[in-house]
Amino acid sequence: MRFKLIIAMAEEQWTNALMDAARAAGAKGSTIIRSAKGTGVEATKTFLGLSLENAIDIILLLVEEHQSRFILEALEKAGNMKEKGTGIAFQADVEDAVGVSHQIRELVTMVEEKI
């Protein structure tokens, strides 16, 4: 079984909607990293040297490769990611993973039903 790592970054206000969308699209679990900071194409606004940008959450989802595109599209829709500055999500190949054997049977059944 092959896996993808989906990484989504958005302001905290979007986290619950993104998590709900990912789960509805087939994700089984996630890890959330709170209060990250980042930069984009445009310079961030500051006041007395302090950033005025909101902190973002990073959501990590280890998913079966056949489900990854569906989950990515669900994140885009739930997070309104076609709009500027709302968030970003992308996927990367995972060479190997441990600690997921308890989920593999359920994932195999789910993937077989979809294919």
Protein backbone atom coordinates (compact mmCIF):
# COMPACT_ATOMS: atom_id res chain seq x y z
CA MET A 1 0.00 0.00 0.00
CA ARG A 2 1.32 3.44 -0.94
CA PHE A 3 0.74 6.64 0.97
CA LYS A 4 0.77 10.37 0.32
CA LEU A 5 1.33 13.10 2.86
CA ILE A 6 -1.12 15.95 2.41
CA ILE A 7 -0.03 19.19 4.01
CA ALA A 8 -2.62 21.95 4.39
CA MET A 9 -1.92 25.40 5.79
CA ALA A 10 -4.65 27.88 6.66
CA GLU A 11 -5.71 30.30 9.35
CA GLU A 12 -7.03 28.67 12.51
CA GLN A 13 -10.62 29.67 11.71
CA TRP A 14 -10.56 27.18 8.80
CA THR A 15 -9.10 24.21 10.67
CA ASN A 16 -12.36 22.54 11.74
CA ALA A 17 -13.90 22.90 8.27
CA LEU A 18 -10.76 21.46 6.68
CA MET A 19 -10.68 18.54 9.11
CA ASP A 20 -14.37 17.77 8.52
CA ALA A 21 -13.87 17.88 4.74
CA ALA A 22 -10.80 15.64 4.88
CA ARG A 23 -12.58 13.07 7.02
CA ALA A 24 -15.66 13.12 4.76
CA ALA A 25 -13.36 12.52 1.76
CA GLY A 26 -11.73 9.49 3.39
CA ALA A 27 -8.93 10.66 5.69
CA LYS A 28 -8.66 8.56 8.85
CA GLY A 29 -6.60 10.84 11.06
CA SER A 30 -4.45 13.92 11.17
CA THR A 31 -1.89 15.91 13.07
CA ILE A 32 -2.32 19.65 13.60
CA ILE A 33 0.59 21.99 14.25
CA ARG A 34 -0.73 25.20 15.79
CA SER A 35 0.40 28.80 15.42
CA ALA A 36 2.85 28.54 12.54
CA LYS A 37 4.04 31.64 10.70
CA GLY A 38 4.87 32.00 7.04
CA THR A 39 5.40 34.41 4.19
CA GLY A 40 3.91 34.71 0.76
CA VAL A 41 4.60 36.69 -2.39
CA GLU A 42 3.61 39.97 -0.78
CA ALA A 43 5.41 41.44 2.24
CA THR A 44 3.66 41.01 5.58
CA LYS A 45 2.33 44.01 7.49
CA THR A 46 4.05 44.98 10.72
CA PHE A 47 3.46 47.42 13.54
CA LEU A 48 6.44 48.36 15.71
CA GLY A 49 8.28 45.34 14.37
CA LEU A 50 5.49 42.87 15.22
CA SER A 51 3.74 40.94 12.47
CA LEU A 52 0.05 41.68 11.98
CA GLU A 53 -0.48 38.43 10.11
CA ASN A 54 -2.61 35.75 11.73
CA ALA A 55 -0.93 32.55 12.83
CA ILE A 56 -1.77 29.54 10.71
CA ASP A 57 -2.41 25.89 11.47
CA ILE A 58 -0.61 23.17 9.57
CA ILE A 59 -2.62 19.99 9.06
CA LEU A 60 -0.75 16.79 8.20
CA LEU A 61 -2.71 13.90 6.70
CA LEU A 62 -1.15 10.53 5.86
CA VAL A 63 -3.55 9.05 3.30
CA GLU A 64 -3.73 6.13 0.88
CA GLU A 65 -2.58 7.32 -2.56
CA HIS A 66 -5.87 6.55 -4.35
CA GLN A 67 -7.74 8.83 -1.94
CA SER A 68 -5.26 11.69 -1.96
CA ARG A 69 -6.68 13.68 -4.89
CA PHE A 70 -10.25 13.48 -3.53
CA ILE A 71 -9.07 14.70 -0.14
CA LEU A 72 -6.97 17.48 -1.68
CA GLU A 73 -9.95 18.72 -3.71
CA ALA A 74 -12.18 18.57 -0.62
CA LEU A 75 -9.66 20.72 1.27
CA GLU A 76 -9.55 23.24 -1.57
CA LYS A 77 -13.32 23.58 -1.54
CA ALA A 78 -13.77 23.65 2.25
CA GLY A 79 -10.97 26.18 2.72
CA ASN A 80 -12.02 28.37 -0.21
CA MET A 81 -8.42 27.99 -1.41
CA LYS A 82 -9.05 29.40 -4.88
CA GLU A 83 -9.22 32.81 -3.20
CA LYS A 84 -6.00 34.71 -2.51
CA GLY A 85 -4.60 34.37 0.99
CA THR A 86 -6.98 31.69 2.27
CA GLY A 87 -4.57 28.78 2.44
CA ILE A 88 -2.60 26.19 0.56
CA ALA A 89 -2.62 22.40 0.39
CA PHE A 90 -0.30 20.03 -1.40
CA GLN A 91 0.73 16.38 -1.39
CA ALA A 92 4.05 14.56 -1.35
CA ASP A 93 4.98 10.93 -1.91
CA VAL A 94 5.78 8.91 1.20
CA GLU A 95 8.59 6.41 0.76
CA ASP A 96 7.67 4.32 3.81
CA ALA A 97 5.55 4.53 6.95
CA VAL A 98 5.27 2.59 10.20
CA GLY A 99 2.59 2.65 12.87
CA VAL A 100 -0.30 2.45 10.40
CA SER A 101 -0.77 -1.32 10.17
CA HIS A 102 -3.95 -1.09 12.25
CA GLN A 103 -5.53 1.07 9.52
CA ILE A 104 -4.43 -0.90 6.47
CA ARG A 105 -7.29 -3.44 6.49
CA GLU A 106 -9.88 -0.69 6.64
CA LEU A 107 -8.08 1.28 3.92
CA VAL A 108 -7.84 -1.76 1.64
CA THR A 109 -11.59 -2.31 1.90
CA MET A 110 -12.32 1.35 1.25
CA VAL A 111 -10.01 1.56 -1.77
CA GLU A 112 -11.40 -1.65 -3.29
CA GLU A 113 -14.92 -0.21 -3.06
CA LYS A 114 -13.87 2.99 -4.84
CA ILE A 115 -11.82 1.36 -7.61
